Amino acid sequence: MTDATAHMTGKLAPEIVVPRHTWSHRLKSWAIWVIIFGLLVWSWSPAEMFRASSLVTDWRNMAEFGKAFLTPNFHHWESYLIDMVVTIQIAIWGTALAVIFGIPVSILCSSNVAPQWIVQPVRRLMDACRAINEIVFALLFVVAVGLGPFAGVMALFVHNLGIFAKLFSEAVEAVDPRPVEGIRVTGAIKVQEVVFGVIPQVMPMWSSLTLYRLETNVRSATTLGIVGAGGIGQTLYESIRSFHYGETAAQIIIVVLTVMVLDMVSSRIRATLV
């Protein structure tokens, strides 16, 4: 619509508003990208990214090695399935213990529930649990309790305790404060505020996060077998060390199929919870 037409009809053409960012906002955005690019440049040589050309020049070596895995040997598939079930059981117990102990710890990590003199020390302790890899914990527990699945359970428990404490506390800090305030005005104590005002709001999210971590812990439990923490990972490591690539391929296929099934089941359940 032209200005003349708008004047004749008595209507004004709608003005298109183009959002404009301030210079300070643009400088912040540019600074972030400069920092990211600088970190990549800084990490290039220590990470040996210059060796990426070997993926092209030495692809025949990878292909020759990969041929050994093209003929899986399922001769002992019953044994592999039993080991895979043990791996799942390790993940179940490690996740369950982490959830049981992670719920009260996450409350202590939540700044909207606990005072800062409790929140900060507990958070730092959980940071340490989360920062140390499961394999390191598995090595420690293997020395303490010996080889076997229990060392894997404890390794997953301690590491995931830090993860659940962080994820659960973030969900607690995002709750609607109005139900909690409504319970508080009735004269309820702090524990009642948490039980009846906080936990009902976060329970669907907690359940979804638990299922996701269970799925992840099955994969982690597989690698823990490398250090003697039981499960199919231990069998897999022994096959690789013995150069039995056919058996190794069969075990990898079983692990992949198991993780795929768990992923599909977990996704369905999480979709109904959230």
C-alpha atoms as a PDB file:
ATOM      1  CA  MET A   1       0.000   0.000   0.000  1.00  0.00           C
ATOM      2  CA  THR A   2       1.471   3.366  -1.111  1.00  0.00           C
ATOM      3  CA  ASP A   3       1.432   6.531   0.993  1.00  0.00           C
ATOM      4  CA  ALA A   4      -1.147   8.105  -1.336  1.00  0.00           C
ATOM      5  CA  THR A   5      -3.470   5.116  -1.104  1.00  0.00           C
ATOM      6  CA  ALA A   6      -3.056   4.997   2.629  1.00  0.00           C
ATOM      7  CA  HIS A   7      -3.912   8.700   2.854  1.00  0.00           C
ATOM      8  CA  MET A   8      -7.023   8.245   0.712  1.00  0.00           C
ATOM      9  CA  THR A   9      -8.306   5.280   2.659  1.00  0.00           C
ATOM     10  CA  GLY A  10      -7.356   6.791   5.983  1.00  0.00           C
ATOM     11  CA  LYS A  11      -5.259   3.806   6.867  1.00  0.00           C
ATOM     12  CA  LEU A  12      -1.580   3.598   7.513  1.00  0.00           C
ATOM     13  CA  ALA A  13       0.543   0.740   6.271  1.00  0.00           C
ATOM     14  CA  PRO A  14       1.796  -1.456   9.113  1.00  0.00           C
ATOM     15  CA  GLU A  15       5.348  -0.627   9.985  1.00  0.00           C
ATOM     16  CA  ILE A  16       7.741  -3.570  10.007  1.00  0.00           C
ATOM     17  CA  VAL A  17       9.839  -3.533  13.138  1.00  0.00           C
ATOM     18  CA  VAL A  18      13.271  -5.038  12.678  1.00  0.00           C
ATOM     19  CA  PRO A  19      14.883  -6.005  15.992  1.00  0.00           C
ATOM     20  CA  ARG A  20      18.244  -4.347  16.487  1.00  0.00           C
ATOM     21  CA  HIS A  21      20.811  -5.509  18.969  1.00  0.00           C
ATOM     22  CA  THR A  22      22.837  -2.999  20.903  1.00  0.00           C
ATOM     23  CA  TRP A  23      26.561  -2.691  20.351  1.00  0.00           C
ATOM     24  CA  SER A  24      27.255  -4.226  23.743  1.00  0.00           C
ATOM     25  CA  HIS A  25      25.190  -7.300  22.826  1.00  0.00           C
ATOM     26  CA  ARG A  26      27.007  -7.634  19.498  1.00  0.00           C
ATOM     27  CA  LEU A  27      30.399  -7.284  21.150  1.00  0.00           C
ATOM     28  CA  LYS A  28      29.508 -10.025  23.619  1.00  0.00           C
ATOM     29  CA  SER A  29      28.469 -12.339  20.780  1.00  0.00           C
ATOM     30  CA  TRP A  30      31.658 -11.624  18.854  1.00  0.00           C
ATOM     31  CA  ALA A  31      33.750 -12.120  21.985  1.00  0.00           C
ATOM     32  CA  ILE A  32      32.183 -15.531  22.566  1.00  0.00           C
ATOM     33  CA  TRP A  33      32.976 -16.645  19.009  1.00  0.00           C
ATOM     34  CA  VAL A  34      36.527 -15.282  19.275  1.00  0.00           C
ATOM     35  CA  ILE A  35      37.044 -17.222  22.524  1.00  0.00           C
ATOM     36  CA  ILE A  36      35.687 -20.438  20.968  1.00  0.00           C
ATOM     37  CA  PHE A  37      37.916 -20.032  17.916  1.00  0.00           C
ATOM     38  CA  GLY A  38      40.891 -19.215  20.145  1.00  0.00           C
ATOM     39  CA  LEU A  39      40.334 -22.353  22.219  1.00  0.00           C
ATOM     40  CA  LEU A  40      40.236 -24.482  19.063  1.00  0.00           C
ATOM     41  CA  VAL A  41      43.495 -22.943  17.803  1.00  0.00           C
ATOM     42  CA  TRP A  42      45.095 -23.320  21.242  1.00  0.00           C
ATOM     43  CA  SER A  43      44.123 -27.015  21.378  1.00  0.00           C
ATOM     44  CA  TRP A  44      45.099 -27.863  17.791  1.00  0.00           C
ATOM     45  CA  SER A  45      48.690 -28.963  18.347  1.00  0.00           C
ATOM     46  CA  PRO A  46      48.354 -30.624  21.793  1.00  0.00           C
ATOM     47  CA  ALA A  47      45.393 -32.649  20.485  1.00  0.00           C
ATOM     48  CA  GLU A  48      47.492 -33.597  17.418  1.00  0.00           C
ATOM     49  CA  MET A  49      44.735 -32.577  15.046  1.00  0.00           C
ATOM     50  CA  PHE A  50      47.394 -32.278  12.329  1.00  0.00           C
ATOM     51  CA  ARG A  51      47.352 -36.093  12.155  1.00  0.00           C
ATOM     52  CA  ALA A  52      43.840 -36.076  10.706  1.00  0.00           C
ATOM     53  CA  SER A  53      45.426 -36.557   7.276  1.00  0.00           C
ATOM     54  CA  SER A  54      46.360 -40.103   8.352  1.00  0.00           C
ATOM     55  CA  LEU A  55      42.684 -41.044   8.113  1.00  0.00           C
ATOM     56  CA  VAL A  56      43.009 -40.543   4.361  1.00  0.00           C
ATOM     57  CA  THR A  57      46.556 -41.716   3.725  1.00  0.00           C
ATOM     58  CA  ASP A  58      46.412 -44.823   5.946  1.00  0.00           C
ATOM     59  CA  TRP A  59      42.846 -45.959   5.345  1.00  0.00           C
ATOM     60  CA  ARG A  60      44.096 -49.290   3.981  1.00  0.00           C
ATOM     61  CA  ASN A  61      45.509 -50.175   7.417  1.00  0.00           C
ATOM     62  CA  MET A  62      42.117 -49.553   9.005  1.00  0.00           C
ATOM     63  CA  ALA A  63      40.369 -51.568   6.301  1.00  0.00           C
ATOM     64  CA  GLU A  64      42.775 -54.479   6.738  1.00  0.00           C
ATOM     65  CA  PHE A  65      42.172 -54.486  10.487  1.00  0.00           C
ATOM     66  CA  GLY A  66      38.414 -54.169   9.999  1.00  0.00           C
ATOM     67  CA  LYS A  67      38.276 -57.293   7.815  1.00  0.00           C
ATOM     68  CA  ALA A  68      38.916 -59.408  10.879  1.00  0.00           C
ATOM     69  CA  PHE A  69      35.584 -58.279  12.336  1.00  0.00           C
ATOM     70  CA  LEU A  70      33.515 -59.155   9.251  1.00  0.00           C
ATOM     71  CA  THR A  71      33.093 -62.797  10.302  1.00  0.00           C
ATOM     72  CA  PRO A  72      31.482 -62.824  13.768  1.00  0.00           C
ATOM     73  CA  ASN A  73      31.767 -66.075  15.678  1.00  0.00           C
ATOM     74  CA  PHE A  74      28.599 -66.794  17.710  1.00  0.00           C
ATOM     75  CA  HIS A  75      29.743 -70.258  18.772  1.00  0.00           C
ATOM     76  CA  HIS A  76      29.550 -69.283  22.479  1.00  0.00           C
ATOM     77  CA  TRP A  77      26.600 -66.908  22.177  1.00  0.00           C
ATOM     78  CA  GLU A  78      24.897 -68.313  25.285  1.00  0.00           C
ATOM     79  CA  SER A  79      27.898 -67.320  27.380  1.00  0.00           C
ATOM     80  CA  TYR A  80      27.941 -63.866  25.788  1.00  0.00           C
ATOM     81  CA  LEU A  81      24.260 -63.338  26.591  1.00  0.00           C
ATOM     82  CA  ILE A  82      24.816 -64.355  30.206  1.00  0.00           C
ATOM     83  CA  ASP A  83      27.660 -61.837  30.468  1.00  0.00           C
ATOM     84  CA  MET A  84      25.448 -59.183  28.882  1.00  0.00           C
ATOM     85  CA  VAL A  85      22.716 -59.847  31.424  1.00  0.00           C
ATOM     86  CA  VAL A  86      25.285 -59.448  34.211  1.00  0.00           C
ATOM     87  CA  THR A  87      26.305 -56.118  32.681  1.00  0.00           C
ATOM     88  CA  ILE A  88      22.674 -54.953  32.739  1.00  0.00           C
ATOM     89  CA  GLN A  89      22.341 -56.080  36.352  1.00  0.00           C
ATOM     90  CA  ILE A  90      25.466 -54.110  37.287  1.00  0.00           C
ATOM     91  CA  ALA A  91      23.954 -51.013  35.658  1.00  0.00           C
ATOM     92  CA  ILE A  92      20.601 -51.532  37.413  1.00  0.00           C
ATOM     93  CA  TRP A  93      22.148 -51.763  40.875  1.00  0.00           C
ATOM     94  CA  GLY A  94      24.597 -48.928  40.285  1.00  0.00           C
ATOM     95  CA  THR A  95      21.787 -46.683  39.075  1.00  0.00           C
ATOM     96  CA  ALA A  96      19.420 -47.687  41.892  1.00  0.00           C
ATOM     97  CA  LEU A  97      21.964 -46.915  44.618  1.00  0.00           C
ATOM     98  CA  ALA A  98      22.835 -43.603  42.991  1.00  0.00           C
ATOM     99  CA  VAL A  99      19.151 -42.604  42.876  1.00  0.00           C
ATOM    100  CA  ILE A 100      18.435 -43.665  46.474  1.00  0.00           C
ATOM    101  CA  PHE A 101      21.352 -41.675  47.864  1.00  0.00           C
ATOM    102  CA  GLY A 102      21.168 -38.973  45.197  1.00  0.00           C
ATOM    103  CA  ILE A 103      17.674 -37.775  46.177  1.00  0.00           C
ATOM    104  CA  PRO A 104      18.586 -36.491  49.673  1.00  0.00           C
ATOM    105  CA  VAL A 105      21.959 -35.232  48.441  1.00  0.00           C
ATOM    106  CA  SER A 106      20.271 -33.298  45.611  1.00  0.00           C
ATOM    107  CA  ILE A 107      18.011 -31.591  48.149  1.00  0.00           C
ATOM    108  CA  LEU A 108      21.114 -30.505  50.052  1.00  0.00           C
ATOM    109  CA  CYS A 109      22.554 -29.172  46.756  1.00  0.00           C
ATOM    110  CA  SER A 110      19.479 -27.038  45.979  1.00  0.00           C
ATOM    111  CA  SER A 111      19.954 -23.369  46.841  1.00  0.00           C
ATOM    112  CA  ASN A 112      16.201 -22.776  47.116  1.00  0.00           C
ATOM    113  CA  VAL A 113      15.864 -25.453  49.812  1.00  0.00           C
ATOM    114  CA  ALA A 114      19.107 -25.709  51.789  1.00  0.00           C
ATOM    115  CA  PRO A 115      21.281 -22.863  53.157  1.00  0.00           C
ATOM    116  CA  GLN A 116      24.462 -21.921  51.327  1.00  0.00           C
ATOM    117  CA  TRP A 117      26.752 -23.208  54.083  1.00  0.00           C
ATOM    118  CA  ILE A 118      25.387 -26.686  53.284  1.00  0.00           C
ATOM    119  CA  VAL A 119      24.896 -26.283  49.536  1.00  0.00           C
ATOM    120  CA  GLN A 120      28.450 -25.285  48.620  1.00  0.00           C
ATOM    121  CA  PRO A 121      30.396 -28.078  50.422  1.00  0.00           C
ATOM    122  CA  VAL A 122      27.976 -30.758  49.218  1.00  0.00           C
ATOM    123  CA  ARG A 123      28.173 -29.461  45.649  1.00  0.00           C
ATOM    124  CA  ARG A 124      31.965 -29.530  45.690  1.00  0.00           C
ATOM    125  CA  LEU A 125      31.923 -33.111  46.965  1.00  0.00           C
ATOM    126  CA  MET A 126      29.519 -34.105  44.192  1.00  0.00           C
ATOM    127  CA  ASP A 127      31.730 -32.310  41.662  1.00  0.00           C
ATOM    128  CA  ALA A 128      34.567 -34.611  42.711  1.00  0.00           C
ATOM    129  CA  CYS A 129      32.390 -37.730  42.318  1.00  0.00           C
ATOM    130  CA  ARG A 130      31.309 -36.563  38.878  1.00  0.00           C
ATOM    131  CA  ALA A 131      34.759 -35.513  37.696  1.00  0.00           C
ATOM    132  CA  ILE A 132      36.429 -38.874  38.354  1.00  0.00           C
ATOM    133  CA  ASN A 133      35.701 -41.463  35.675  1.00  0.00           C
ATOM    134  CA  GLU A 134      33.987 -44.753  36.483  1.00  0.00           C
ATOM    135  CA  ILE A 135      37.075 -46.711  35.454  1.00  0.00           C
ATOM    136  CA  VAL A 136      39.158 -44.967  38.113  1.00  0.00           C
ATOM    137  CA  PHE A 137      36.559 -45.801  40.750  1.00  0.00           C
ATOM    138  CA  ALA A 138      36.412 -49.370  39.425  1.00  0.00           C
ATOM    139  CA  LEU A 139      40.179 -49.736  39.862  1.00  0.00           C
ATOM    140  CA  LEU A 140      39.889 -48.506  43.450  1.00  0.00           C
ATOM    141  CA  PHE A 141      37.050 -50.877  44.287  1.00  0.00           C
ATOM    142  CA  VAL A 142      38.734 -53.820  42.574  1.00  0.00           C
ATOM    143  CA  VAL A 143      41.649 -53.324  44.942  1.00  0.00           C
ATOM    144  CA  ALA A 144      39.261 -53.032  47.908  1.00  0.00           C
ATOM    145  CA  VAL A 145      36.693 -55.786  47.205  1.00  0.00           C
ATOM    146  CA  GLY A 146      38.406 -57.857  44.518  1.00  0.00           C
ATOM    147  CA  LEU A 147      37.547 -58.630  40.914  1.00  0.00           C
ATOM    148  CA  GLY A 148      33.921 -59.035  39.961  1.00  0.00           C
ATOM    149  CA  PRO A 149      30.625 -57.235  39.331  1.00  0.00           C
ATOM    150  CA  PHE A 150      30.372 -55.657  42.810  1.00  0.00           C
ATOM    151  CA  ALA A 151      33.334 -53.403  42.033  1.00  0.00           C
ATOM    152  CA  GLY A 152      31.491 -52.261  38.909  1.00  0.00           C
ATOM    153  CA  VAL A 153      28.314 -51.589  40.886  1.00  0.00           C
ATOM    154  CA  MET A 154      30.158 -49.425  43.383  1.00  0.00           C
ATOM    155  CA  ALA A 155      32.039 -47.562  40.648  1.00  0.00           C
ATOM    156  CA  LEU A 156      28.800 -46.693  38.853  1.00  0.00           C
ATOM    157  CA  PHE A 157      27.159 -45.775  42.151  1.00  0.00           C
ATOM    158  CA  VAL A 158      29.795 -43.250  43.244  1.00  0.00           C
ATOM    159  CA  HIS A 159      30.188 -41.627  39.817  1.00  0.00           C
ATOM    160  CA  ASN A 160      26.443 -41.411  39.157  1.00  0.00           C
ATOM    161  CA  LEU A 161      25.807 -40.058  42.641  1.00  0.00           C
ATOM    162  CA  GLY A 162      27.518 -36.858  41.515  1.00  0.00           C
ATOM    163  CA  ILE A 163      25.563 -36.820  38.258  1.00  0.00           C
ATOM    164  CA  PHE A 164      22.170 -37.414  39.877  1.00  0.00           C
ATOM    165  CA  ALA A 165      22.889 -34.823  42.562  1.00  0.00           C
ATOM    166  CA  LYS A 166      23.474 -32.195  39.888  1.00  0.00           C
ATOM    167  CA  LEU A 167      20.586 -33.145  37.596  1.00  0.00           C
ATOM    168  CA  PHE A 168      18.084 -33.619  40.420  1.00  0.00           C
ATOM    169  CA  SER A 169      19.082 -30.386  42.182  1.00  0.00           C
ATOM    170  CA  GLU A 170      18.666 -28.394  38.963  1.00  0.00           C
ATOM    171  CA  ALA A 171      15.140 -29.773  38.665  1.00  0.00           C
ATOM    172  CA  VAL A 172      14.434 -28.823  42.301  1.00  0.00           C
ATOM    173  CA  GLU A 173      15.692 -25.280  41.767  1.00  0.00           C
ATOM    174  CA  ALA A 174      13.319 -24.884  38.800  1.00  0.00           C
ATOM    175  CA  VAL A 175      10.117 -25.806  40.677  1.00  0.00           C
ATOM    176  CA  ASP A 176       7.171 -23.450  41.080  1.00  0.00           C
ATOM    177  CA  PRO A 177       7.596 -21.882  44.547  1.00  0.00           C
ATOM    178  CA  ARG A 178       3.865 -21.219  45.046  1.00  0.00           C
ATOM    179  CA  PRO A 179       2.884 -24.762  46.169  1.00  0.00           C
ATOM    180  CA  VAL A 180       5.826 -24.749  48.585  1.00  0.00           C
ATOM    181  CA  GLU A 181       4.769 -21.386  50.003  1.00  0.00           C
ATOM    182  CA  GLY A 182       1.195 -22.646  50.357  1.00  0.00           C
ATOM    183  CA  ILE A 183       2.407 -25.593  52.410  1.00  0.00           C
ATOM    184  CA  ARG A 184       4.667 -23.329  54.465  1.00  0.00           C
ATOM    185  CA  VAL A 185       1.822 -21.039  55.567  1.00  0.00           C
ATOM    186  CA  THR A 186       0.057 -24.028  57.079  1.00  0.00           C
ATOM    187  CA  GLY A 187       2.896 -24.310  59.584  1.00  0.00           C
ATOM    188  CA  ALA A 188       4.618 -27.275  57.940  1.00  0.00           C
ATOM    189  CA  ILE A 189       8.252 -27.994  58.710  1.00  0.00           C
ATOM    190  CA  LYS A 190      11.005 -27.975  56.084  1.00  0.00           C
ATOM    191  CA  VAL A 191      10.849 -31.716  55.462  1.00  0.00           C
ATOM    192  CA  GLN A 192       7.095 -31.529  54.807  1.00  0.00           C
ATOM    193  CA  GLU A 193       7.649 -28.662  52.361  1.00  0.00           C
ATOM    194  CA  VAL A 194      10.092 -30.825  50.404  1.00  0.00           C
ATOM    195  CA  VAL A 195       8.012 -34.012  50.534  1.00  0.00           C
ATOM    196  CA  PHE A 196       4.654 -32.462  49.654  1.00  0.00           C
ATOM    197  CA  GLY A 197       5.669 -29.302  47.753  1.00  0.00           C
ATOM    198  CA  VAL A 198       8.851 -30.098  45.854  1.00  0.00           C
ATOM    199  CA  ILE A 199       9.050 -33.824  45.156  1.00  0.00           C
ATOM    200  CA  PRO A 200       5.594 -34.126  43.455  1.00  0.00           C
ATOM    201  CA  GLN A 201       6.679 -31.434  40.970  1.00  0.00           C
ATOM    202  CA  VAL A 202      10.032 -32.985  40.092  1.00  0.00           C
ATOM    203  CA  MET A 203       9.121 -36.670  40.176  1.00  0.00           C
ATOM    204  CA  PRO A 204       8.328 -36.962  36.413  1.00  0.00           C
ATOM    205  CA  MET A 205      11.626 -35.285  35.513  1.00  0.00           C
ATOM    206  CA  TRP A 206      13.544 -37.387  38.025  1.00  0.00           C
ATOM    207  CA  SER A 207      12.017 -40.559  36.592  1.00  0.00           C
ATOM    208  CA  SER A 208      12.948 -39.560  33.051  1.00  0.00           C
ATOM    209  CA  LEU A 209      16.525 -38.730  34.052  1.00  0.00           C
ATOM    210  CA  THR A 210      16.843 -42.043  35.895  1.00  0.00           C
ATOM    211  CA  LEU A 211      15.815 -44.014  32.820  1.00  0.00           C
ATOM    212  CA  TYR A 212      18.234 -42.078  30.661  1.00  0.00           C
ATOM    213  CA  ARG A 213      21.118 -42.682  33.065  1.00  0.00           C
ATOM    214  CA  LEU A 214      20.246 -46.378  33.309  1.00  0.00           C
ATOM    215  CA  GLU A 215      20.584 -46.639  29.554  1.00  0.00           C
ATOM    216  CA  THR A 216      23.923 -44.819  29.707  1.00  0.00           C
ATOM    217  CA  ASN A 217      25.170 -46.928  32.596  1.00  0.00           C
ATOM    218  CA  VAL A 218      24.707 -50.121  30.586  1.00  0.00           C
ATOM    219  CA  ARG A 219      27.282 -48.777  28.157  1.00  0.00           C
ATOM    220  CA  SER A 220      29.531 -47.662  31.005  1.00  0.00           C
ATOM    221  CA  ALA A 221      29.254 -51.054  32.721  1.00  0.00           C
ATOM    222  CA  THR A 222      30.526 -52.646  29.517  1.00  0.00           C
ATOM    223  CA  THR A 223      33.779 -50.685  29.670  1.00  0.00           C
ATOM    224  CA  LEU A 224      34.244 -51.385  33.383  1.00  0.00           C
ATOM    225  CA  GLY A 225      34.888 -55.033  32.557  1.00  0.00           C
ATOM    226  CA  ILE A 226      38.222 -53.973  31.072  1.00  0.00           C
ATOM    227  CA  VAL A 227      39.583 -53.436  34.592  1.00  0.00           C
ATOM    228  CA  GLY A 228      38.055 -56.626  35.959  1.00  0.00           C
ATOM    229  CA  ALA A 229      34.665 -55.324  37.110  1.00  0.00           C
ATOM    230  CA  GLY A 230      32.731 -58.206  35.544  1.00  0.00           C
ATOM    231  CA  GLY A 231      30.169 -58.362  32.776  1.00  0.00           C
ATOM    232  CA  ILE A 232      30.641 -58.711  29.058  1.00  0.00           C
ATOM    233  CA  GLY A 233      33.345 -56.044  29.066  1.00  0.00           C
ATOM    234  CA  GLN A 234      35.740 -58.434  30.737  1.00  0.00           C
ATOM    235  CA  THR A 235      35.011 -61.125  28.138  1.00  0.00           C
ATOM    236  CA  LEU A 236      35.348 -58.562  25.368  1.00  0.00           C
ATOM    237  CA  TYR A 237      38.727 -57.389  26.615  1.00  0.00           C
ATOM    238  CA  GLU A 238      40.025 -60.953  26.885  1.00  0.00           C
ATOM    239  CA  SER A 239      38.929 -61.695  23.304  1.00  0.00           C
ATOM    240  CA  ILE A 240      40.684 -58.594  22.000  1.00  0.00           C
ATOM    241  CA  ARG A 241      43.885 -59.435  23.876  1.00  0.00           C
ATOM    242  CA  SER A 242      43.770 -62.979  22.461  1.00  0.00           C
ATOM    243  CA  PHE A 243      43.256 -61.653  18.897  1.00  0.00           C
ATOM    244  CA  HIS A 244      39.976 -63.565  18.618  1.00  0.00           C
ATOM    245  CA  TYR A 245      38.366 -60.960  16.416  1.00  0.00           C
ATOM    246  CA  GLY A 246      35.469 -63.164  15.331  1.00  0.00           C
ATOM    247  CA  GLU A 247      34.384 -63.617  18.936  1.00  0.00           C
ATOM    248  CA  THR A 248      35.000 -59.923  19.597  1.00  0.00           C
ATOM    249  CA  ALA A 249      32.705 -58.990  16.709  1.00  0.00           C
ATOM    250  CA  ALA A 250      29.961 -61.255  18.044  1.00  0.00           C
ATOM    251  CA  GLN A 251      30.205 -59.696  21.493  1.00  0.00           C
ATOM    252  CA  ILE A 252      30.114 -56.176  20.058  1.00  0.00           C
ATOM    253  CA  ILE A 253      26.997 -57.042  18.062  1.00  0.00           C
ATOM    254  CA  ILE A 254      25.289 -58.321  21.209  1.00  0.00           C
ATOM    255  CA  VAL A 255      26.212 -55.133  23.085  1.00  0.00           C
ATOM    256  CA  VAL A 256      24.959 -52.901  20.269  1.00  0.00           C
ATOM    257  CA  LEU A 257      21.655 -54.765  19.941  1.00  0.00           C
ATOM    258  CA  THR A 258      21.119 -54.658  23.703  1.00  0.00           C
ATOM    259  CA  VAL A 259      21.760 -50.912  23.854  1.00  0.00           C
ATOM    260  CA  MET A 260      19.404 -50.342  20.908  1.00  0.00           C
ATOM    261  CA  VAL A 261      16.601 -52.272  22.614  1.00  0.00           C
ATOM    262  CA  LEU A 262      17.160 -50.426  25.895  1.00  0.00           C
ATOM    263  CA  ASP A 263      17.182 -47.108  24.070  1.00  0.00           C
ATOM    264  CA  MET A 264      13.841 -47.808  22.384  1.00  0.00           C
ATOM    265  CA  VAL A 265      12.198 -49.036  25.583  1.00  0.00           C
ATOM    266  CA  SER A 266      13.615 -46.154  27.623  1.00  0.00           C
ATOM    267  CA  SER A 267      12.489 -43.571  25.062  1.00  0.00           C
ATOM    268  CA  ARG A 268       8.943 -44.931  25.125  1.00  0.00           C
ATOM    269  CA  ILE A 269       8.780 -44.839  28.906  1.00  0.00           C
ATOM    270  CA  ARG A 270      10.308 -41.346  29.136  1.00  0.00           C
ATOM    271  CA  ALA A 271       7.787 -40.038  26.622  1.00  0.00           C
ATOM    272  CA  THR A 272       4.946 -41.111  28.917  1.00  0.00           C
ATOM    273  CA  LEU A 273       6.528 -39.531  31.996  1.00  0.00           C
ATOM    274  CA  VAL A 274       7.410 -36.034  30.795  1.00  0.00           C
END
